[in-house]
Structures are given as structure tokens and as C-alpha cells.
C-alpha atoms as a PDB file:
ATOM      1  CA  MET A   1       5.582   0.746  24.114  1.00  0.00           C
ATOM      2  CA  THR A   2       3.101   2.377  21.762  1.00  0.00           C
ATOM      3  CA  SER A   3       0.390   0.603  19.817  1.00  0.00           C
ATOM      4  CA  PRO A   4       1.533  -1.001  16.556  1.00  0.00           C
ATOM      5  CA  VAL A   5       1.610   1.468  13.673  1.00  0.00           C
ATOM      6  CA  ALA A   6       0.145   1.001  10.186  1.00  0.00           C
ATOM      7  CA  VAL A   7       1.403   3.460   7.574  1.00  0.00           C
ATOM      8  CA  ILE A   8      -0.888   3.701   4.542  1.00  0.00           C
ATOM      9  CA  VAL A   9       1.003   5.140   1.569  1.00  0.00           C
ATOM     10  CA  GLY A  10      -1.313   6.561  -1.061  1.00  0.00           C
ATOM     11  CA  ALA A  11      -4.372   6.509   1.185  1.00  0.00           C
ATOM     12  CA  GLY A  12      -7.784   7.340  -0.210  1.00  0.00           C
ATOM     13  CA  PRO A  13     -11.431   7.044   0.799  1.00  0.00           C
ATOM     14  CA  GLY A  14     -11.735   3.548  -0.698  1.00  0.00           C
ATOM     15  CA  LEU A  15      -9.283   0.716  -0.146  1.00  0.00           C
ATOM     16  CA  GLY A  16      -6.684   2.759   1.735  1.00  0.00           C
ATOM     17  CA  LEU A  17      -9.190   3.849   4.357  1.00  0.00           C
ATOM     18  CA  SER A  18     -10.628   0.337   4.618  1.00  0.00           C
ATOM     19  CA  VAL A  19      -7.177  -1.183   5.171  1.00  0.00           C
ATOM     20  CA  ALA A  20      -6.463   1.424   7.842  1.00  0.00           C
ATOM     21  CA  ARG A  21      -9.789   0.622   9.513  1.00  0.00           C
ATOM     22  CA  ARG A  22      -9.153  -3.144   9.368  1.00  0.00           C
ATOM     23  CA  TRP A  23      -5.769  -2.750  11.055  1.00  0.00           C
ATOM     24  CA  CYS A  24      -7.184  -0.276  13.587  1.00  0.00           C
ATOM     25  CA  ARG A  25      -9.726  -2.903  14.593  1.00  0.00           C
ATOM     26  CA  GLU A  26      -6.741  -5.043  15.600  1.00  0.00           C
ATOM     27  CA  GLY A  27      -5.313  -2.346  17.866  1.00  0.00           C
ATOM     28  CA  TYR A  28      -3.083  -0.477  15.395  1.00  0.00           C
ATOM     29  CA  GLN A  29      -2.885   3.265  15.047  1.00  0.00           C
ATOM     30  CA  ALA A  30      -3.055   4.449  11.455  1.00  0.00           C
ATOM     31  CA  VAL A  31      -0.986   7.054   9.643  1.00  0.00           C
ATOM     32  CA  LEU A  32      -2.583   7.998   6.329  1.00  0.00           C
ATOM     33  CA  LEU A  33      -0.184   9.486   3.792  1.00  0.00           C
ATOM     34  CA  GLY A  34      -1.068  11.145   0.500  1.00  0.00           C
ATOM     35  CA  GLU A  35      -0.409  14.119  -1.712  1.00  0.00           C
ATOM     36  CA  SER A  36      -2.569  16.599   0.202  1.00  0.00           C
ATOM     37  CA  LEU A  37      -3.120  17.178   3.899  1.00  0.00           C
ATOM     38  CA  GLU A  38      -6.542  18.522   2.906  1.00  0.00           C
ATOM     39  CA  TRP A  39      -7.413  14.981   1.727  1.00  0.00           C
ATOM     40  CA  MET A  40      -5.655  13.041   4.481  1.00  0.00           C
ATOM     41  CA  GLU A  41      -7.007  14.840   7.534  1.00  0.00           C
ATOM     42  CA  PRO A  42     -10.681  14.024   6.809  1.00  0.00           C
ATOM     43  CA  LEU A  43      -9.756  10.346   6.403  1.00  0.00           C
ATOM     44  CA  ALA A  44      -7.984  10.386   9.757  1.00  0.00           C
ATOM     45  CA  GLU A  45     -10.929  12.213  11.324  1.00  0.00           C
ATOM     46  CA  THR A  46     -13.274   9.504  10.022  1.00  0.00           C
ATOM     47  CA  LEU A  47     -11.283   6.856  11.897  1.00  0.00           C
ATOM     48  CA  ILE A  48     -10.982   8.988  15.019  1.00  0.00           C
ATOM     49  CA  ALA A  49     -14.768   9.439  15.029  1.00  0.00           C
ATOM     50  CA  GLU A  50     -15.039   5.642  14.998  1.00  0.00           C
ATOM     51  CA  GLY A  51     -12.894   5.435  18.133  1.00  0.00           C
ATOM     52  CA  PHE A  52      -9.532   4.661  16.552  1.00  0.00           C
ATOM     53  CA  GLN A  53      -6.115   6.328  16.691  1.00  0.00           C
ATOM     54  CA  ALA A  54      -5.260   7.965  13.375  1.00  0.00           C
ATOM     55  CA  GLU A  55      -3.511  10.909  11.785  1.00  0.00           C
ATOM     56  CA  GLY A  56      -2.849  12.213   8.297  1.00  0.00           C
ATOM     57  CA  ALA A  57       0.223  13.669   6.603  1.00  0.00           C
ATOM     58  CA  ALA A  58       1.166  14.794   3.105  1.00  0.00           C
ATOM     59  CA  PHE A  59       4.169  14.134   0.883  1.00  0.00           C
ATOM     60  CA  ASP A  60       5.191  14.099  -2.775  1.00  0.00           C
ATOM     61  CA  LEU A  61       5.322  10.527  -4.073  1.00  0.00           C
ATOM     62  CA  LEU A  62       7.524  11.636  -6.981  1.00  0.00           C
ATOM     63  CA  ASP A  63      10.112  13.065  -4.573  1.00  0.00           C
ATOM     64  CA  PRO A  64      12.048  10.261  -2.810  1.00  0.00           C
ATOM     65  CA  GLU A  65      13.396  12.656  -0.200  1.00  0.00           C
ATOM     66  CA  SER A  66       9.889  13.811   0.668  1.00  0.00           C
ATOM     67  CA  VAL A  67       8.791  10.194   1.086  1.00  0.00           C
ATOM     68  CA  ARG A  68      11.798   9.364   3.254  1.00  0.00           C
ATOM     69  CA  ALA A  69      11.427  12.448   5.422  1.00  0.00           C
ATOM     70  CA  VAL A  70       7.756  11.887   6.222  1.00  0.00           C
ATOM     71  CA  ILE A  71       8.057   8.164   6.936  1.00  0.00           C
ATOM     72  CA  SER A  72      11.227   8.639   8.986  1.00  0.00           C
ATOM     73  CA  GLY A  73       9.376  11.309  10.927  1.00  0.00           C
ATOM     74  CA  VAL A  74       6.563   8.867  11.675  1.00  0.00           C
ATOM     75  CA  GLY A  75       9.069   6.300  12.920  1.00  0.00           C
ATOM     76  CA  GLU A  76      10.932   8.785  15.080  1.00  0.00           C
ATOM     77  CA  ARG A  77       7.761  10.170  16.632  1.00  0.00           C
ATOM     78  CA  LEU A  78       5.876   6.934  17.216  1.00  0.00           C
ATOM     79  CA  GLY A  79       8.905   4.731  17.863  1.00  0.00           C
ATOM     80  CA  ARG A  80       7.928   1.894  15.518  1.00  0.00           C
ATOM     81  CA  ILE A  81       6.375   0.940  12.196  1.00  0.00           C
ATOM     82  CA  ASP A  82       4.608  -2.398  11.894  1.00  0.00           C
ATOM     83  CA  LEU A  83       2.949  -2.156   8.495  1.00  0.00           C
ATOM     84  CA  VAL A  84       3.655  -0.230   5.328  1.00  0.00           C
ATOM     85  CA  HIS A  85       0.738  -0.538   2.921  1.00  0.00           C
ATOM     86  CA  PHE A  86       1.673   0.765  -0.538  1.00  0.00           C
ATOM     87  CA  ASN A  87      -1.497   1.603  -2.432  1.00  0.00           C
ATOM     88  CA  PRO A  88      -0.803   4.237  -5.134  1.00  0.00           C
ATOM     89  CA  SER A  89      -0.920   3.782  -8.877  1.00  0.00           C
ATOM     90  CA  ALA A  90      -1.037   6.195 -11.786  1.00  0.00           C
ATOM     91  CA  TRP A  91      -3.807   6.009 -14.391  1.00  0.00           C
ATOM     92  CA  ARG A  92      -2.871   7.732 -17.645  1.00  0.00           C
ATOM     93  CA  ALA A  93      -5.348   7.419 -20.491  1.00  0.00           C
ATOM     94  CA  LYS A  94      -2.865   7.146 -23.357  1.00  0.00           C
ATOM     95  CA  ASP A  95      -2.363   4.085 -25.529  1.00  0.00           C
ATOM     96  CA  VAL A  96       1.038   2.787 -26.568  1.00  0.00           C
ATOM     97  CA  LEU A  97       1.058   4.917 -29.714  1.00  0.00           C
ATOM     98  CA  GLU A  98       0.565   8.100 -27.665  1.00  0.00           C
ATOM     99  CA  LEU A  99       2.457   7.321 -24.447  1.00  0.00           C
ATOM    100  CA  THR A 100       5.887   8.930 -24.241  1.00  0.00           C
ATOM    101  CA  VAL A 101       8.926   7.529 -22.486  1.00  0.00           C
ATOM    102  CA  PRO A 102       8.991  10.368 -19.899  1.00  0.00           C
ATOM    103  CA  GLU A 103       5.306   9.748 -19.139  1.00  0.00           C
ATOM    104  CA  LEU A 104       5.847   6.025 -18.708  1.00  0.00           C
ATOM    105  CA  LEU A 105       8.835   6.596 -16.433  1.00  0.00           C
ATOM    106  CA  GLU A 106       6.915   9.150 -14.355  1.00  0.00           C
ATOM    107  CA  ASP A 107       4.062   6.689 -13.860  1.00  0.00           C
ATOM    108  CA  VAL A 108       6.472   3.925 -12.865  1.00  0.00           C
ATOM    109  CA  ALA A 109       8.235   6.282 -10.441  1.00  0.00           C
ATOM    110  CA  PHE A 110       4.862   7.086  -8.862  1.00  0.00           C
ATOM    111  CA  GLY A 111       3.317   3.608  -8.745  1.00  0.00           C
ATOM    112  CA  VAL A 112       6.474   1.520  -8.207  1.00  0.00           C
ATOM    113  CA  GLY A 113       9.581   3.534  -7.469  1.00  0.00           C
ATOM    114  CA  ALA A 114       8.101   5.334  -4.457  1.00  0.00           C
ATOM    115  CA  LEU A 115       7.918   1.979  -2.676  1.00  0.00           C
ATOM    116  CA  LEU A 116      11.716   1.941  -2.375  1.00  0.00           C
ATOM    117  CA  PRO A 117      12.202   5.111  -0.288  1.00  0.00           C
ATOM    118  CA  ALA A 118       9.073   4.246   1.704  1.00  0.00           C
ATOM    119  CA  VAL A 119      10.467   0.884   2.786  1.00  0.00           C
ATOM    120  CA  GLN A 120      14.046   2.122   3.128  1.00  0.00           C
ATOM    121  CA  ALA A 121      12.882   4.867   5.496  1.00  0.00           C
ATOM    122  CA  ALA A 122      10.742   2.439   7.489  1.00  0.00           C
ATOM    123  CA  VAL A 123      13.415  -0.269   7.952  1.00  0.00           C
ATOM    124  CA  PRO A 124      15.095   1.292  11.027  1.00  0.00           C
ATOM    125  CA  TYR A 125      11.700   1.408  12.759  1.00  0.00           C
ATOM    126  CA  PHE A 126      10.344  -1.977  11.705  1.00  0.00           C
ATOM    127  CA  SER A 127       9.395  -4.162  14.633  1.00  0.00           C
ATOM    128  CA  ASP A 128      10.028  -7.900  14.497  1.00  0.00           C
ATOM    129  CA  GLY A 129       7.202  -9.314  12.433  1.00  0.00           C
ATOM    130  CA  ALA A 130       6.554  -6.069  10.536  1.00  0.00           C
ATOM    131  CA  ARG A 131       4.989  -6.368   7.103  1.00  0.00           C
ATOM    132  CA  VAL A 132       5.020  -4.634   3.725  1.00  0.00           C
ATOM    133  CA  LEU A 133       1.683  -4.930   1.921  1.00  0.00           C
ATOM    134  CA  VAL A 134       1.248  -3.860  -1.702  1.00  0.00           C
ATOM    135  CA  THR A 135      -1.975  -3.489  -3.653  1.00  0.00           C
ATOM    136  CA  GLY A 136      -1.615  -5.412  -6.892  1.00  0.00           C
ATOM    137  CA  SER A 137      -3.914  -5.625  -9.874  1.00  0.00           C
ATOM    138  CA  ALA A 138      -4.967  -7.981 -12.654  1.00  0.00           C
ATOM    139  CA  ALA A 139      -3.563  -5.287 -14.969  1.00  0.00           C
ATOM    140  CA  ALA A 140      -0.185  -6.914 -14.335  1.00  0.00           C
ATOM    141  CA  ASP A 141      -1.326  -9.846 -16.487  1.00  0.00           C
ATOM    142  CA  THR A 142      -4.077  -8.282 -18.623  1.00  0.00           C
ATOM    143  CA  PRO A 143      -3.127  -4.642 -19.190  1.00  0.00           C
ATOM    144  CA  SER A 144      -5.626  -2.177 -20.546  1.00  0.00           C
ATOM    145  CA  THR A 145      -4.848  -0.875 -24.012  1.00  0.00           C
ATOM    146  CA  MET A 146      -6.333   2.436 -22.853  1.00  0.00           C
ATOM    147  CA  ALA A 147      -3.835   2.860 -19.998  1.00  0.00           C
ATOM    148  CA  PRO A 148      -0.859   0.557 -20.592  1.00  0.00           C
ATOM    149  CA  SER A 149       1.361   2.289 -18.046  1.00  0.00           C
ATOM    150  CA  LEU A 150      -0.833   0.874 -15.258  1.00  0.00           C
ATOM    151  CA  GLY A 151      -0.066  -2.683 -16.355  1.00  0.00           C
ATOM    152  CA  VAL A 152       3.643  -1.892 -16.413  1.00  0.00           C
ATOM    153  CA  GLN A 153       3.401  -0.516 -12.874  1.00  0.00           C
ATOM    154  CA  LYS A 154       1.558  -3.535 -11.516  1.00  0.00           C
ATOM    155  CA  ALA A 155       3.834  -6.072 -13.199  1.00  0.00           C
ATOM    156  CA  ALA A 156       6.919  -4.229 -11.978  1.00  0.00           C
ATOM    157  CA  ILE A 157       5.748  -3.818  -8.389  1.00  0.00           C
ATOM    158  CA  ARG A 158       4.852  -7.496  -8.159  1.00  0.00           C
ATOM    159  CA  ASN A 159       8.432  -8.299  -9.139  1.00  0.00           C
ATOM    160  CA  LEU A 160       9.831  -5.731  -6.693  1.00  0.00           C
ATOM    161  CA  VAL A 161       7.827  -7.211  -3.820  1.00  0.00           C
ATOM    162  CA  THR A 162       9.445 -10.597  -4.459  1.00  0.00           C
ATOM    163  CA  SER A 163      12.876  -8.995  -4.054  1.00  0.00           C
ATOM    164  CA  LEU A 164      11.806  -7.056  -0.971  1.00  0.00           C
ATOM    165  CA  ASP A 165      10.422 -10.155   0.684  1.00  0.00           C
ATOM    166  CA  ALA A 166      13.611 -12.145   0.098  1.00  0.00           C
ATOM    167  CA  THR A 167      15.763  -9.254   1.320  1.00  0.00           C
ATOM    168  CA  LEU A 168      13.757  -8.454   4.455  1.00  0.00           C
ATOM    169  CA  ALA A 169      13.048 -12.026   5.560  1.00  0.00           C
ATOM    170  CA  ASP A 170      16.284 -12.285   7.583  1.00  0.00           C
ATOM    171  CA  ARG A 171      15.121  -9.254   9.610  1.00  0.00           C
ATOM    172  CA  GLY A 172      11.857 -10.977  10.501  1.00  0.00           C
ATOM    173  CA  VAL A 173       9.965  -8.736   8.059  1.00  0.00           C
ATOM    174  CA  ARG A 174       7.954 -10.046   5.099  1.00  0.00           C
ATOM    175  CA  ALA A 175       6.435  -8.435   2.020  1.00  0.00           C
ATOM    176  CA  VAL A 176       3.349  -9.476   0.068  1.00  0.00           C
ATOM    177  CA  ALA A 177       1.550  -8.228  -3.027  1.00  0.00           C
ATOM    178  CA  VAL A 178      -2.170  -8.935  -3.074  1.00  0.00           C
ATOM    179  CA  GLN A 179      -3.285  -8.996  -6.691  1.00  0.00           C
ATOM    180  CA  ILE A 180      -6.917  -7.958  -7.016  1.00  0.00           C
ATOM    181  CA  ASN A 181      -8.285  -9.990  -9.896  1.00  0.00           C
ATOM    182  CA  GLY A 182     -11.451  -8.028 -10.440  1.00  0.00           C
ATOM    183  CA  VAL A 183     -12.866  -4.540 -10.799  1.00  0.00           C
ATOM    184  CA  LEU A 184     -13.104  -2.474  -7.620  1.00  0.00           C
ATOM    185  CA  ALA A 185     -16.712  -1.692  -6.703  1.00  0.00           C
ATOM    186  CA  LYS A 186     -18.677   0.077  -3.981  1.00  0.00           C
ATOM    187  CA  GLU A 187     -20.475  -3.105  -2.964  1.00  0.00           C
ATOM    188  CA  GLY A 188     -19.959  -6.846  -3.160  1.00  0.00           C
ATOM    189  CA  PRO A 189     -16.818  -9.009  -2.980  1.00  0.00           C
ATOM    190  CA  PHE A 190     -14.667  -6.429  -4.791  1.00  0.00           C
ATOM    191  CA  SER A 191     -15.613  -3.560  -2.517  1.00  0.00           C
ATOM    192  CA  PRO A 192     -12.960  -2.181  -0.134  1.00  0.00           C
ATOM    193  CA  GLU A 193     -14.043  -3.881   3.110  1.00  0.00           C
ATOM    194  CA  PRO A 194     -13.803  -7.554   1.998  1.00  0.00           C
ATOM    195  CA  ILE A 195     -10.563  -6.832   0.145  1.00  0.00           C
ATOM    196  CA  ALA A 196      -9.089  -5.238   3.270  1.00  0.00           C
ATOM    197  CA  ASP A 197     -10.145  -8.261   5.307  1.00  0.00           C
ATOM    198  CA  PHE A 198      -8.493 -10.578   2.769  1.00  0.00           C
ATOM    199  CA  MET A 199      -5.348  -8.459   2.980  1.00  0.00           C
ATOM    200  CA  TRP A 200      -5.283  -8.821   6.767  1.00  0.00           C
ATOM    201  CA  HIS A 201      -5.279 -12.588   6.393  1.00  0.00           C
ATOM    202  CA  ALA A 202      -2.673 -12.468   3.606  1.00  0.00           C
ATOM    203  CA  VAL A 203      -0.380 -10.588   5.990  1.00  0.00           C
ATOM    204  CA  HIS A 204      -1.202 -13.020   8.830  1.00  0.00           C
ATOM    205  CA  PRO A 205      -1.476 -16.378   7.035  1.00  0.00           C
ATOM    206  CA  THR A 206      -2.262 -19.584   8.877  1.00  0.00           C
ATOM    207  CA  GLY A 207      -0.037 -21.541   6.502  1.00  0.00           C
ATOM    208  CA  GLU A 208       3.223 -20.945   4.658  1.00  0.00           C
ATOM    209  CA  TRP A 209       4.157 -17.368   3.798  1.00  0.00           C
ATOM    210  CA  GLN A 210       3.484 -16.291   0.213  1.00  0.00           C
ATOM    211  CA  ALA A 211       4.886 -13.109  -1.322  1.00  0.00           C
ATOM    212  CA  GLN A 212       2.265 -13.173  -4.098  1.00  0.00           C
ATOM    213  CA  VAL A 213      -1.412 -13.753  -3.310  1.00  0.00           C
ATOM    214  CA  GLY A 214      -4.352 -13.448  -5.679  1.00  0.00           C
ATOM    215  CA  TYR A 215      -7.772 -12.210  -4.606  1.00  0.00           C
ATOM    216  CA  HIS A 216     -10.661 -13.474  -6.729  1.00  0.00           C
ATOM    217  CA  GLY A 217     -13.551 -12.336  -4.544  1.00  0.00           C
ATOM    218  CA  GLU A 218     -13.448 -15.259  -2.122  1.00  0.00           C
ATOM    219  CA  PRO A 219     -13.941 -14.735   1.628  1.00  0.00           C
ATOM    220  CA  ALA A 220     -10.817 -14.513   3.777  1.00  0.00           C
ATOM    221  CA  ARG A 221      -9.897 -17.666   5.700  1.00  0.00           C
END
């Protein structure tokens, strides 16, 4: 049996890398997925240099078949998937008087729709107790007038996680959206490391499971 596997969809040098590192500290191996292998390999190398198991791979988040193929390949090669962390979102600086329907739908496909093929591809490889973790945002409730498509994405994905959690529960798999109610920063309570730690505890709660959890900068318990 291999180590548990954490797949980070939409990994980057901030929260995605910190989540991968937090799970690696618990004995997981990390697979960092993004749009460019040129971006993913240095992230994986950072974790490897810290003594962890990690690798990077690239796919097209707007192409469901690309998402399915890469995640299925991870499952086939490593034999299991224990976490899917869905982190991407699209920022488009157009207000509601400029935003077009095709642009809105493209952003929703990127920041919401890609979760479907990611989870569908992972299901055959989910271990008992596997988890789906989604990065949420206060934009779901207080959208920016400068980038309204982001608020639509975050409201929609929060709703989708509720459906995923109810659907997967009978398989022993749960899904949670952690809504970050603050502005991401390099330091302090809204920096990647404390958020990643909070996410670990949201995925491994001491009390009743919750599919929606809000992070307000408090320490994990």
C-alpha cells in the first residue's frame, strides 16, 4: 500500500503549495496539478527539497477530458487518491455592464465546472475516508463589483460542494468548502500556512461533519 495521496487541483506557490505541505507533513504524497508543467515542477521540487514526496503535472482546466485523463492517470499509477483539493478561480476585471455571457460561462467552467470531472475521475480511486476540499471565498456573499464573475464562481461552488458531500457520503467520502472570509496575505492569519492548517482540521473535524466551514482568521482547533 502506498502513502495516501493528495491531489492539488489549481496549485500555486501560495495556498495550493501550503495545503500540499500541510498534508505532506501528515505522511501524504502530493500531486500538484496546474496549467503548466513549467510552473508545477518547481512547486514539487520545493516539497521534495523539504523531504516530502511530490510531483507535478499539467492539464487544461477548461477541457474536461484533460482533467479526467490526468487525474485518472494519477489514480492508476499511485493506486489511490485520498484528497482532492480544488483551488482554482478565475479573476476577470470586468463589471456587470462589460461582462459578456460567454466570459461569465468560461469563468464558471474554470472555477466551478472543472470540479466535476476532477471528482468523477477520482471516485474509482478514492479510499474509504477520502475527502474533497474546496477553497471558498467571501466573494460568494459579498462579490466585487470589479470582478463579479468571481462571486458567481464562489457562490456556485459552495452549492456544488453541498451536493457532492450528500452524494459521496454513502461511499465514506465527504466534501467541504472552506470559505475564507478575509483577504489573502503573505503574513498573519490570512496567510497560506494558517489557512492550510485550518483546512486540515476542517477535513478532520473532532465534532460533527460540516460541508460548509467559514475561516475568519481564528486558529485551528
